[in-house]
Protein backbone atom coordinates (compact mmCIF):
# COMPACT_ATOMS: atom_id res chain seq x y z
CA MET A 1 -48.06 -66.47 57.94
CA VAL A 2 -47.69 -64.28 54.73
CA THR A 3 -47.25 -60.62 55.58
CA ASN A 4 -48.61 -57.57 53.50
CA PRO A 5 -46.25 -56.44 51.18
CA LEU A 6 -47.96 -52.67 52.12
CA ARG A 7 -48.68 -53.44 56.06
CA PHE A 8 -44.82 -54.31 56.16
CA ILE A 9 -43.73 -51.35 54.64
CA TRP A 10 -46.54 -48.82 56.35
CA LYS A 11 -45.48 -50.66 59.55
CA ASN A 12 -41.77 -49.56 59.37
CA LYS A 13 -42.02 -46.51 56.99
CA GLY A 14 -39.65 -44.56 59.37
CA THR A 15 -37.32 -47.41 58.49
CA VAL A 16 -37.98 -47.40 55.07
CA LEU A 17 -37.65 -43.78 54.75
CA LEU A 18 -34.68 -43.30 56.54
CA ALA A 19 -33.18 -46.01 53.85
CA PHE A 20 -33.95 -44.02 50.92
CA VAL A 21 -33.08 -40.58 52.36
CA LEU A 22 -29.68 -42.85 52.90
CA GLY A 23 -29.58 -43.70 49.42
CA VAL A 24 -30.30 -40.85 47.41
CA ALA A 25 -26.93 -39.47 49.52
CA VAL A 26 -25.08 -41.39 48.74
CA TRP A 27 -25.72 -41.15 45.29
CA ILE A 28 -25.68 -37.74 45.14
CA SER A 29 -21.88 -38.00 47.11
CA ALA A 30 -21.33 -40.48 44.47
CA VAL A 31 -22.19 -38.18 41.57
CA ILE A 32 -20.29 -35.09 43.01
CA ALA A 33 -17.13 -37.01 43.67
CA SER A 34 -17.40 -37.91 40.21
CA ASP A 35 -18.44 -34.51 38.78
CA PRO A 36 -17.14 -31.96 41.14
CA ASN A 37 -19.12 -28.27 41.45
CA GLU A 38 -16.66 -25.57 40.53
CA GLU A 39 -16.79 -22.01 41.43
CA ALA A 40 -15.26 -19.88 38.44
CA ILE A 41 -15.11 -16.65 36.07
CA LEU A 42 -16.02 -16.84 32.92
CA GLN A 43 -13.03 -16.66 30.23
CA PHE A 44 -15.25 -14.67 27.99
CA ASN A 45 -18.16 -11.71 28.55
CA PRO A 46 -20.96 -12.94 26.47
CA PRO A 47 -22.50 -9.77 24.60
CA ILE A 48 -25.74 -8.25 25.64
CA GLU A 49 -28.76 -8.76 23.85
CA ILE A 50 -31.57 -6.34 23.80
CA ILE A 51 -35.22 -7.66 23.46
CA GLY A 52 -38.13 -6.17 23.64
CA LEU A 53 -37.72 -2.64 22.59
CA ASP A 54 -40.96 -1.03 21.16
CA ASP A 55 -40.71 0.01 17.69
CA GLU A 56 -41.60 2.94 18.48
CA LEU A 57 -38.79 3.96 20.46
CA VAL A 58 -35.21 4.01 20.17
CA LEU A 59 -32.08 3.15 22.76
CA VAL A 60 -30.03 6.62 23.03
CA GLY A 61 -26.19 6.13 24.26
CA ASP A 62 -23.82 3.17 24.62
CA ILE A 63 -24.70 -0.04 26.50
CA PRO A 64 -21.98 -0.99 28.59
CA GLU A 65 -19.99 -4.56 28.10
CA LEU A 66 -19.95 -7.34 30.84
CA GLU A 67 -16.74 -6.82 33.09
CA GLU A 68 -17.65 -9.75 34.81
CA VAL A 69 -19.67 -13.25 35.42
CA ARG A 70 -18.95 -15.95 38.02
CA LEU A 71 -20.70 -19.38 38.05
CA ARG A 72 -20.84 -22.06 40.09
CA ALA A 73 -21.49 -25.53 38.12
CA PRO A 74 -20.33 -29.46 37.70
CA ARG A 75 -16.37 -29.66 35.47
CA SER A 76 -18.50 -31.13 32.91
CA VAL A 77 -20.70 -28.15 32.73
CA TRP A 78 -17.74 -26.00 32.49
CA GLN A 79 -16.28 -28.00 29.63
CA GLU A 80 -19.07 -27.39 27.99
CA ILE A 81 -19.19 -23.78 28.42
CA ASN A 82 -15.96 -23.26 27.27
CA ALA A 83 -16.17 -25.44 24.35
CA GLU A 84 -19.13 -23.82 22.96
CA PRO A 85 -19.64 -19.83 23.98
CA GLY A 86 -22.20 -19.22 22.15
CA THR A 87 -24.61 -21.52 25.17
CA VAL A 88 -24.47 -18.14 26.94
CA HIS A 89 -26.46 -15.23 26.88
CA ALA A 90 -26.25 -11.99 28.85
CA ILE A 91 -29.98 -10.55 28.11
CA LEU A 92 -31.54 -6.98 28.73
CA ASP A 93 -35.33 -7.43 28.33
CA LEU A 94 -36.57 -3.87 27.33
CA THR A 95 -40.45 -5.07 27.40
CA ASN A 96 -43.01 -3.03 27.94
CA LYS A 97 -40.59 -0.32 28.63
CA LYS A 98 -41.81 3.32 28.19
CA ALA A 99 -39.57 6.47 27.23
CA GLY A 100 -37.32 7.74 30.11
CA ASN A 101 -34.20 6.11 31.89
CA HIS A 102 -34.30 2.80 33.22
CA GLU A 103 -32.17 0.71 35.50
CA LEU A 104 -32.37 -2.59 34.37
CA GLU A 105 -30.99 -6.13 35.38
CA LEU A 106 -29.04 -8.28 33.26
CA ASN A 107 -30.62 -11.79 32.74
CA ILE A 108 -27.91 -14.50 32.29
CA GLN A 109 -29.11 -17.99 30.35
CA LEU A 110 -27.41 -21.10 29.65
CA GLU A 111 -28.10 -23.02 26.99
CA ILE A 112 -27.17 -26.45 29.81
CA ARG A 113 -28.11 -28.46 32.75
CA THR A 114 -27.31 -27.77 36.34
CA TYR A 115 -25.76 -23.95 37.03
CA GLN A 116 -25.81 -21.19 39.55
CA LEU A 117 -25.37 -17.96 38.97
CA VAL A 118 -23.05 -16.25 41.45
CA GLU A 119 -22.15 -12.70 40.59
CA VAL A 120 -23.06 -10.38 37.66
CA LYS A 121 -20.55 -6.84 36.90
CA PRO A 122 -22.39 -5.00 36.61
CA ASN A 123 -25.51 -6.78 37.31
CA THR A 124 -27.33 -3.43 36.15
CA VAL A 125 -27.37 -1.58 33.26
CA ALA A 126 -28.95 2.25 32.72
CA VAL A 127 -31.00 2.83 29.62
CA SER A 128 -31.83 5.41 27.92
CA LEU A 129 -35.05 5.25 25.76
CA GLU A 130 -36.57 7.75 23.24
CA PRO A 131 -39.36 8.00 20.93
CA LEU A 132 -37.89 7.20 16.97
CA VAL A 133 -38.58 10.03 15.28
CA SER A 134 -38.57 11.09 11.45
CA LYS A 135 -38.08 13.86 9.88
CA GLY A 136 -37.49 15.44 5.94
CA LYS A 137 -34.94 18.21 5.57
CA PRO A 138 -33.92 20.11 2.63
CA ILE A 139 -30.13 19.74 1.32
CA ARG A 140 -27.45 22.28 1.22
CA PRO A 141 -24.33 22.28 -1.15
CA ILE A 142 -21.70 23.82 -0.16
CA LEU A 143 -18.02 24.46 -2.44
CA THR A 144 -15.08 25.07 -0.16
CA GLY A 145 -11.86 25.83 -1.35
CA GLU A 146 -11.41 28.05 -4.61
CA PRO A 147 -10.39 27.11 -8.28
CA ALA A 148 -7.89 27.76 -10.12
CA PHE A 149 -6.85 31.58 -11.05
CA SER A 150 -8.47 33.22 -13.64
CA PHE A 151 -11.76 30.18 -13.13
CA GLN A 152 -15.20 30.65 -11.77
CA ALA A 153 -17.62 28.52 -9.71
CA ASP A 154 -20.90 28.14 -11.41
CA THR A 155 -23.74 27.29 -8.32
CA PRO A 156 -23.94 23.71 -7.46
CA SER A 157 -26.53 21.31 -8.02
CA VAL A 158 -27.53 18.23 -6.63
CA THR A 159 -29.52 14.97 -6.93
CA ASP A 160 -31.75 15.00 -4.28
CA SER A 161 -33.21 18.17 -2.50
CA ARG A 162 -34.08 16.46 0.50
CA VAL A 163 -33.10 14.10 2.79
CA GLN A 164 -35.17 11.92 5.38
CA ILE A 165 -33.40 11.76 8.89
CA SER A 166 -34.29 9.74 11.64
CA GLY A 167 -33.26 8.70 15.15
CA PRO A 168 -33.81 9.95 19.18
CA GLU A 169 -36.07 12.84 19.43
CA SER A 170 -33.37 14.63 21.00
CA LEU A 171 -30.78 14.28 18.14
CA ILE A 172 -33.27 15.15 15.69
CA ASP A 173 -34.37 18.34 17.65
CA GLN A 174 -30.22 18.89 16.99
CA VAL A 175 -29.96 19.09 13.54
CA ASP A 176 -29.98 22.17 11.95
CA GLU A 177 -29.27 21.87 8.22
CA VAL A 178 -28.09 18.69 6.27
CA ARG A 179 -25.12 19.82 4.20
CA ALA A 180 -23.69 18.43 1.21
CA ILE A 181 -19.86 19.75 0.88
CA LEU A 182 -17.78 19.50 -2.09
CA GLU A 183 -13.68 20.45 -2.24
CA ILE A 184 -13.09 22.41 -4.75
CA SER A 185 -9.68 23.80 -4.34
CA GLY A 186 -7.34 24.54 -7.69
CA ALA A 187 -10.20 22.87 -10.04
CA ARG A 188 -9.53 23.89 -13.89
CA GLU A 189 -12.96 21.84 -14.99
CA SER A 190 -16.12 21.02 -14.10
CA ILE A 191 -16.78 18.76 -10.86
CA SER A 192 -19.44 15.88 -10.43
CA SER A 193 -19.01 13.73 -7.30
CA GLU A 194 -20.90 11.36 -4.67
CA VAL A 195 -20.71 12.96 -1.47
CA LEU A 196 -21.63 12.15 2.24
CA LEU A 197 -24.63 14.06 3.80
CA GLN A 198 -23.67 15.54 7.50
CA PRO A 199 -26.10 16.77 9.41
CA VAL A 200 -24.36 19.57 12.02
CA ASP A 201 -25.91 21.47 14.74
CA SER A 202 -26.28 25.62 14.83
CA ASN A 203 -23.14 25.41 15.44
CA GLY A 204 -21.71 23.38 12.29
CA GLN A 205 -21.01 20.92 14.81
CA PHE A 206 -22.16 16.86 13.35
CA VAL A 207 -24.57 15.51 15.37
CA SER A 208 -23.80 11.40 15.60
CA GLY A 209 -26.40 8.88 15.83
CA VAL A 210 -28.71 9.35 13.07
CA THR A 211 -30.12 7.72 9.99
CA MET A 212 -30.24 9.66 6.43
CA ILE A 213 -31.59 8.48 3.37
CA PRO A 214 -29.88 9.02 1.30
CA ASP A 215 -26.85 9.25 3.27
CA ARG A 216 -24.80 10.37 -0.23
CA ILE A 217 -26.01 12.49 -3.14
CA THR A 218 -23.96 13.71 -6.14
CA ILE A 219 -23.35 17.29 -6.23
CA THR A 220 -22.82 19.19 -9.46
CA VAL A 221 -20.33 22.22 -10.27
CA GLU A 222 -19.60 23.92 -13.54
CA ILE A 223 -16.35 25.47 -13.65
CA ALA A 224 -14.93 27.75 -16.11
CA GLN A 225 -12.73 30.40 -16.93
CA ALA A 226 -13.41 34.27 -16.60
CA GLY A 227 -12.98 35.90 -20.00
CA GLY A 228 -9.93 37.34 -21.33
CA TYR A 229 -8.15 34.80 -19.44
CA ARG A 230 -6.96 31.23 -21.20
CA ASP A 231 -4.52 28.40 -20.11
CA LEU A 232 -2.29 27.30 -22.95
CA ALA A 233 0.39 24.49 -23.18
CA VAL A 234 3.89 25.60 -23.28
CA ARG A 235 5.56 24.47 -26.84
CA LEU A 236 9.32 24.33 -26.64
CA GLU A 237 11.03 25.15 -30.01
CA THR A 238 14.34 24.09 -30.96
CA ILE A 239 17.00 24.44 -33.76
CA GLY A 240 19.98 21.52 -34.65
CA GLN A 241 20.76 18.05 -33.64
CA PRO A 242 23.00 16.91 -30.80
CA ALA A 243 26.20 16.05 -31.69
CA ARG A 244 27.29 13.13 -33.95
CA GLY A 245 26.41 9.70 -31.26
CA TYR A 246 24.49 11.85 -28.60
CA ARG A 247 20.42 11.75 -28.61
CA VAL A 248 17.63 13.71 -26.66
CA THR A 249 16.54 11.66 -23.84
CA ASN A 250 13.97 13.54 -22.22
CA ILE A 251 12.61 17.31 -22.57
CA SER A 252 11.37 18.83 -19.61
CA VAL A 253 9.50 22.17 -19.32
CA SER A 254 8.00 23.81 -16.50
CA PRO A 255 5.64 25.04 -15.75
CA PRO A 256 4.00 22.45 -18.47
CA THR A 257 0.79 25.11 -18.74
CA VAL A 258 0.56 28.64 -18.51
CA THR A 259 -2.41 31.44 -18.47
CA VAL A 260 -2.50 34.26 -20.59
CA PHE A 261 -4.85 37.28 -20.67
CA SER A 262 -5.92 39.57 -22.96
CA ALA A 263 -8.31 42.70 -22.58
CA ASN A 264 -9.97 41.56 -25.57
CA PRO A 265 -11.13 37.51 -24.70
CA GLN A 266 -11.83 37.22 -29.13
CA LEU A 267 -8.14 37.50 -29.24
CA VAL A 268 -7.76 35.09 -26.45
CA ALA A 269 -10.35 32.93 -28.04
CA GLY A 270 -8.81 32.88 -31.60
CA ILE A 271 -5.48 31.38 -31.11
CA PRO A 272 -4.00 28.03 -30.97
CA GLY A 273 -4.21 26.13 -27.46
CA PHE A 274 0.02 26.52 -27.71
CA VAL A 275 2.17 29.01 -26.64
CA SER A 276 5.98 28.50 -27.91
CA THR A 277 8.76 29.26 -25.98
CA HIS A 278 12.17 31.64 -28.14
CA LEU A 279 14.26 29.41 -30.05
CA LEU A 280 16.62 27.12 -28.39
CA ASP A 281 19.80 25.95 -30.33
CA LEU A 282 21.07 22.11 -29.81
CA THR A 283 23.33 22.06 -32.45
CA GLU A 284 27.04 20.14 -31.52
CA VAL A 285 25.74 19.29 -27.76
CA ILE A 286 26.82 16.61 -25.67
CA ASP A 287 25.63 17.66 -22.11
CA ASP A 288 22.66 18.34 -20.31
CA ILE A 289 20.71 21.75 -20.85
CA GLU A 290 19.13 23.58 -17.98
CA ILE A 291 17.67 27.04 -19.10
CA ARG A 292 14.98 29.55 -18.42
CA LEU A 293 13.50 30.77 -21.68
CA THR A 294 10.42 33.45 -22.23
CA LEU A 295 7.63 32.96 -24.30
CA ASP A 296 7.07 33.98 -28.22
CA LEU A 297 3.48 35.72 -27.13
CA PRO A 298 1.31 37.31 -29.50
CA GLU A 299 0.59 41.48 -29.43
CA GLY A 300 -1.82 41.95 -26.87
CA ILE A 301 -1.71 38.95 -24.61
CA THR A 302 0.70 38.96 -21.89
CA LEU A 303 1.23 36.20 -19.42
CA VAL A 304 -0.33 36.14 -15.57
CA GLY A 305 1.68 35.60 -12.55
CA GLU A 306 5.11 37.11 -11.68
CA GLU A 307 7.40 34.76 -14.08
CA GLN A 308 7.56 36.16 -17.11
CA SER A 309 9.53 32.88 -18.84
CA VAL A 310 9.38 29.25 -17.98
CA GLN A 311 12.45 26.71 -16.81
CA VAL A 312 13.56 24.34 -19.58
CA GLN A 313 15.66 20.77 -19.01
CA ILE A 314 16.84 18.63 -22.04
CA GLY A 315 18.07 15.71 -21.51
CA ILE A 316 21.42 14.63 -23.50
CA ALA A 317 23.37 10.99 -23.37
CA ALA A 318 25.46 9.47 -25.62
CA ILE A 319 24.14 6.62 -28.05
CA GLU A 320 24.27 3.48 -26.92
CA THR A 321 25.76 0.28 -29.36
CA SER A 322 26.94 -3.07 -29.06
CA GLN A 323 29.97 -4.59 -30.67
CA SER A 324 32.39 -7.77 -30.82
CA PHE A 325 35.58 -8.28 -30.87
CA THR A 326 38.12 -11.62 -31.22
CA VAL A 327 40.96 -10.28 -28.59
CA PRO A 328 44.07 -12.71 -27.94
CA ILE A 329 44.85 -14.29 -24.53
CA GLU A 330 47.70 -12.98 -22.63
CA ILE A 331 49.37 -14.93 -19.76
CA VAL A 332 50.41 -13.69 -16.40
CA GLY A 333 52.45 -14.99 -13.31
CA LEU A 334 53.68 -17.63 -15.13
CA GLY A 335 56.85 -18.76 -12.83
CA ALA A 336 59.99 -19.21 -13.71
CA GLY A 337 61.29 -22.10 -15.74
CA LEU A 338 57.92 -23.13 -16.86
CA GLN A 339 55.97 -22.27 -20.10
CA ALA A 340 52.06 -22.57 -21.09
CA GLU A 341 49.96 -23.13 -23.39
CA VAL A 342 45.99 -21.84 -23.81
CA SER A 343 43.63 -23.29 -25.52
CA PRO A 344 41.77 -21.78 -27.51
CA GLN A 345 44.43 -18.52 -27.86
CA THR A 346 41.35 -15.93 -28.73
CA VAL A 347 37.63 -15.06 -27.50
CA ASP A 348 35.39 -12.69 -28.87
CA ILE A 349 33.93 -9.99 -26.72
CA PHE A 350 30.65 -8.43 -26.41
CA LEU A 351 31.15 -4.53 -25.63
CA THR A 352 28.54 -1.88 -24.91
CA GLY A 353 29.03 1.54 -24.58
CA PRO A 354 28.60 5.50 -26.46
CA LEU A 355 28.78 4.88 -30.47
CA ILE A 356 31.70 7.10 -30.50
CA VAL A 357 33.65 5.59 -28.06
CA LEU A 358 33.25 1.79 -29.77
CA GLU A 359 34.44 3.34 -33.20
CA ASN A 360 37.28 4.21 -32.11
CA LEU A 361 38.49 1.41 -29.78
CA SER A 362 41.43 -0.54 -30.58
CA PRO A 363 41.35 -3.81 -29.50
CA GLU A 364 45.11 -4.94 -29.07
CA GLU A 365 45.32 -1.59 -26.68
CA ASP A 366 42.23 -0.75 -25.27
CA VAL A 367 40.83 -4.30 -24.49
CA ILE A 368 43.16 -6.92 -22.36
CA VAL A 369 42.35 -10.58 -21.33
CA PHE A 370 44.48 -12.79 -19.73
CA VAL A 371 44.99 -15.72 -17.14
CA ILE A 372 46.64 -15.41 -14.19
CA LEU A 373 48.72 -18.46 -13.28
CA THR A 374 51.12 -17.05 -10.38
CA GLY A 375 51.38 -20.21 -8.43
CA PHE A 376 50.98 -22.81 -10.80
CA GLU A 377 52.93 -25.68 -11.36
CA ALA A 378 52.82 -27.83 -14.43
CA GLY A 379 49.87 -29.50 -15.26
CA THR A 380 46.84 -29.25 -17.15
CA TYR A 381 44.04 -26.97 -15.78
CA ARG A 382 40.93 -24.96 -16.56
CA VAL A 383 41.90 -21.46 -15.60
CA GLU A 384 39.18 -18.53 -15.51
CA LEU A 385 39.64 -15.22 -17.70
CA HIS A 386 40.02 -12.15 -16.60
CA ASN A 387 39.80 -8.71 -18.55
CA GLU A 388 40.73 -5.23 -18.43
CA ILE A 389 38.59 -2.71 -20.26
CA LEU A 390 40.76 0.71 -20.72
CA PRO A 391 37.90 3.18 -22.31
CA ASP A 392 35.38 4.57 -19.53
CA ARG A 393 31.69 3.89 -20.17
CA VAL A 394 32.38 0.22 -21.56
CA ILE A 395 30.93 -2.50 -20.43
CA LEU A 396 32.07 -6.26 -21.52
CA GLU A 397 28.52 -8.14 -21.90
CA VAL A 398 29.71 -11.42 -23.15
CA MET A 399 33.07 -13.17 -23.29
CA ASN A 400 32.95 -16.75 -25.17
CA PRO A 401 34.47 -18.67 -23.21
CA ASP A 402 34.93 -17.67 -20.09
CA THR A 403 36.94 -20.50 -19.04
CA ILE A 404 39.78 -21.99 -21.57
CA GLU A 405 42.68 -25.00 -20.52
CA VAL A 406 45.73 -24.56 -19.68
CA ILE A 407 48.91 -26.87 -20.09
CA ILE A 408 51.77 -25.88 -18.72
CA THR A 409 54.94 -27.66 -18.86
CA GLU A 410 58.63 -27.00 -17.87
CA GLN A 411 60.84 -25.70 -20.13
CA SER A 412 63.52 -27.94 -21.89
CA ALA A 413 67.30 -27.60 -21.20
CA PRO A 414 68.79 -25.32 -24.38
CA PRO A 415 71.15 -28.43 -26.48
CA GLU A 416 74.60 -28.29 -25.74
CA ASP A 417 77.25 -26.58 -28.79
CA GLN A 418 79.01 -30.04 -30.18
CA THR A 419 80.43 -28.32 -32.91
CA PRO A 420 83.77 -29.91 -33.52
CA THR A 421 86.91 -28.71 -33.08
CA PRO A 422 89.39 -28.18 -35.75
CA GLU A 423 92.11 -30.21 -35.62
CA ALA A 424 95.82 -28.61 -36.24
CA THR A 425 97.43 -29.01 -39.46
CA SER A 426 101.03 -29.55 -40.35
CA SER A 427 102.92 -26.98 -42.23
CA PRO A 428 104.06 -28.31 -45.83
């Protein structure tokens, strides 16, 4: 008799259901055994992403960073998370939130399969929303510092006279004025510079957290010298020349520029752009000079300041030159009973030093080139040359060659005297 399969299943439905449940349990156990669940803390904290913020609102203050995210997930999922951190998101949803203070829950989302969120620290975030306000403000140019003595600064001008500031309503209300600050300390000429705008409150404290358009402007100020004053370059006047073989290496005048004054502005305007010192005699000098000199000022014009002279420094140095000489090679330290022959017997040397010293140098007396043969025995050697330069400030630049061949031999014994003894002769 053939049994209907459906009737058989229905008749034994309890047994079939039990078999199915056992089969699923076995399958789940196998899956868990091969890919077990693991609970752990993320090795990184994803940044908090804000969504749903109304365009007419602005977030006030900073959002804290996540401290800890604990998940439970299969081992394979953890491998995916660690390989691709960008798959984990921390969402702060501000959709439909109005102005005011809110305590909102953080939503952790993963772009992967099965996981369980165990714990988030912090799990809620306090946020403050305020209306976004935009307002126009005048720009106030401010000069700080003072120009150089005798100079005056005119009223500054700016490329933009107003700025549009926007931000949270509470911060915009704090802004009392917007400043453009230009430093002019010690200035002697007009200045045009781009500066950042600074929103400040009624106490002059900087207000942060607002946006400005533009955020910087160019501020210009004309700086000119007051009537009767003038800056003049200092010109050193000299006569004579340093001693033969010496030259001037540098001239320094401090200060290089001085300020003069006259009660008659036209008198100051009519003089050249420099003022001369009184004459300084350089005849036959061979050493550096340091001296204070007064200035040769026209009548009716005075030097501004307590110092009525300038500091002058002049560097004097010997003229350097180069010269070549051919000198013999001397032998030092040769042992007793030995003789040496050098090849070549002379070398060419190139010396650098003061012109006067080299012109008066005697190669035979002032320059010694030698080989040291201490401890050498008979044989042929290539030996390094040594030198001694007696005059001061003279440098040996090149020696050609710098090594020579030396042949050392034993000295031959002197020949014996073989003159025949005269024979005696008999007397007649």
